[in-house]
C-alpha atoms as a PDB file:
ATOM      1  CA  MET A   1    -108.293  18.813-142.348  1.00  0.00           C
ATOM      2  CA  LEU A   2    -108.774  16.805-139.369  1.00  0.00           C
ATOM      3  CA  GLU A   3    -110.109  13.649-141.287  1.00  0.00           C
ATOM      4  CA  MET A   4    -106.567  14.103-143.206  1.00  0.00           C
ATOM      5  CA  LEU A   5    -104.576  14.515-140.391  1.00  0.00           C
ATOM      6  CA  ALA A   6    -106.109  11.570-138.636  1.00  0.00           C
ATOM      7  CA  HIS A   7    -105.801   9.361-141.564  1.00  0.00           C
ATOM      8  CA  ALA A   8    -102.178  10.174-142.140  1.00  0.00           C
ATOM      9  CA  SER A   9    -101.186   9.473-138.403  1.00  0.00           C
ATOM     10  CA  GLU A  10    -103.237   6.090-138.561  1.00  0.00           C
ATOM     11  CA  VAL A  11    -105.808   7.536-135.917  1.00  0.00           C
ATOM     12  CA  GLY A  12    -108.997   6.760-135.510  1.00  0.00           C
ATOM     13  CA  LEU A  13    -111.313   9.530-134.069  1.00  0.00           C
ATOM     14  CA  TRP A  14    -114.898  10.269-133.014  1.00  0.00           C
ATOM     15  CA  ASP A  15    -116.891  13.408-131.961  1.00  0.00           C
ATOM     16  CA  TRP A  16    -119.985  13.330-130.274  1.00  0.00           C
ATOM     17  CA  ASP A  17    -122.236  16.543-130.384  1.00  0.00           C
ATOM     18  CA  LEU A  18    -124.245  16.505-127.186  1.00  0.00           C
ATOM     19  CA  GLU A  19    -126.501  18.999-128.425  1.00  0.00           C
ATOM     20  CA  THR A  20    -127.785  17.341-131.459  1.00  0.00           C
ATOM     21  CA  ASN A  21    -126.802  13.793-130.383  1.00  0.00           C
ATOM     22  CA  GLU A  22    -124.932  13.018-133.731  1.00  0.00           C
ATOM     23  CA  ILE A  23    -121.555  11.440-133.482  1.00  0.00           C
ATOM     24  CA  ASN A  24    -119.175  12.026-136.308  1.00  0.00           C
ATOM     25  CA  PHE A  25    -116.722   9.000-136.800  1.00  0.00           C
ATOM     26  CA  SER A  26    -113.817   9.159-138.633  1.00  0.00           C
ATOM     27  CA  SER A  27    -112.768   7.208-142.009  1.00  0.00           C
ATOM     28  CA  ARG A  28    -109.991   5.633-140.090  1.00  0.00           C
ATOM     29  CA  TRP A  29    -111.880   4.989-137.005  1.00  0.00           C
ATOM     30  CA  CYS A  30    -114.652   2.883-138.969  1.00  0.00           C
ATOM     31  CA  GLU A  31    -111.866   0.822-141.198  1.00  0.00           C
ATOM     32  CA  MET A  32    -110.116   0.166-137.814  1.00  0.00           C
ATOM     33  CA  ILE A  33    -113.385  -1.877-136.388  1.00  0.00           C
ATOM     34  CA  GLY A  34    -113.833  -3.185-140.099  1.00  0.00           C
ATOM     35  CA  TYR A  35    -116.435  -0.971-141.455  1.00  0.00           C
ATOM     36  CA  LYS A  36    -116.747   1.582-144.243  1.00  0.00           C
ATOM     37  CA  LYS A  37    -117.869   5.126-143.326  1.00  0.00           C
ATOM     38  CA  GLU A  38    -120.892   4.861-145.091  1.00  0.00           C
ATOM     39  CA  GLU A  39    -121.755   1.453-143.078  1.00  0.00           C
ATOM     40  CA  VAL A  40    -121.955   3.375-139.909  1.00  0.00           C
ATOM     41  CA  PRO A  41    -124.758   5.728-138.520  1.00  0.00           C
ATOM     42  CA  PRO A  42    -123.807   8.902-136.892  1.00  0.00           C
ATOM     43  CA  ASP A  43    -125.469   8.340-133.783  1.00  0.00           C
ATOM     44  CA  LEU A  44    -124.703   6.618-130.369  1.00  0.00           C
ATOM     45  CA  SER A  45    -126.103   3.475-130.441  1.00  0.00           C
ATOM     46  CA  PHE A  46    -123.724   1.803-133.400  1.00  0.00           C
ATOM     47  CA  TRP A  47    -121.096   2.729-130.492  1.00  0.00           C
ATOM     48  CA  LYS A  48    -123.167   0.983-128.122  1.00  0.00           C
ATOM     49  CA  GLU A  49    -124.044  -2.073-130.053  1.00  0.00           C
ATOM     50  CA  ASN A  50    -120.134  -2.415-130.533  1.00  0.00           C
ATOM     51  CA  LEU A  51    -118.972  -2.206-127.431  1.00  0.00           C
ATOM     52  CA  HIS A  52    -116.870  -5.376-126.293  1.00  0.00           C
ATOM     53  CA  PRO A  53    -118.966  -7.082-123.775  1.00  0.00           C
ATOM     54  CA  ASP A  54    -116.307  -6.667-121.215  1.00  0.00           C
ATOM     55  CA  ASP A  55    -116.343  -2.825-121.435  1.00  0.00           C
ATOM     56  CA  ALA A  56    -119.817  -1.830-122.246  1.00  0.00           C
ATOM     57  CA  GLU A  57    -120.874  -1.491-118.501  1.00  0.00           C
ATOM     58  CA  GLY A  58    -117.956   0.518-117.439  1.00  0.00           C
ATOM     59  CA  ALA A  59    -118.149   2.601-120.732  1.00  0.00           C
ATOM     60  CA  ILE A  60    -121.726   3.336-120.399  1.00  0.00           C
ATOM     61  CA  LYS A  61    -121.521   4.469-116.793  1.00  0.00           C
ATOM     62  CA  ALA A  62    -118.757   6.475-117.175  1.00  0.00           C
ATOM     63  CA  TYR A  63    -120.641   8.413-120.139  1.00  0.00           C
ATOM     64  CA  LEU A  64    -123.617   8.760-117.972  1.00  0.00           C
ATOM     65  CA  ASP A  65    -121.581  10.033-115.353  1.00  0.00           C
ATOM     66  CA  TYR A  66    -119.995  12.765-117.206  1.00  0.00           C
ATOM     67  CA  LEU A  67    -123.717  13.884-118.899  1.00  0.00           C
ATOM     68  CA  GLU A  68    -125.221  13.668-115.226  1.00  0.00           C
ATOM     69  CA  GLU A  69    -121.760  15.789-114.068  1.00  0.00           C
ATOM     70  CA  ARG A  70    -121.027  13.272-111.291  1.00  0.00           C
ATOM     71  CA  THR A  71    -117.714  13.295-113.055  1.00  0.00           C
ATOM     72  CA  GLU A  72    -115.475  15.790-114.793  1.00  0.00           C
END
């Protein structure tokens, strides 16, 4: 259902399960960055590899700070 709503509203979503480290990228999110859903592996490495170089350091620092409970 969420996939249908995201697609209908032209919103790209992704969800990261911190326990399994699996990431689910919505079909629309994949389309927005030029991929088909089946081309995108469900793990964090794909996200890291596709960060814009200007954003990578800050984005990775932000998620590590959150995981290490330095931020909310």
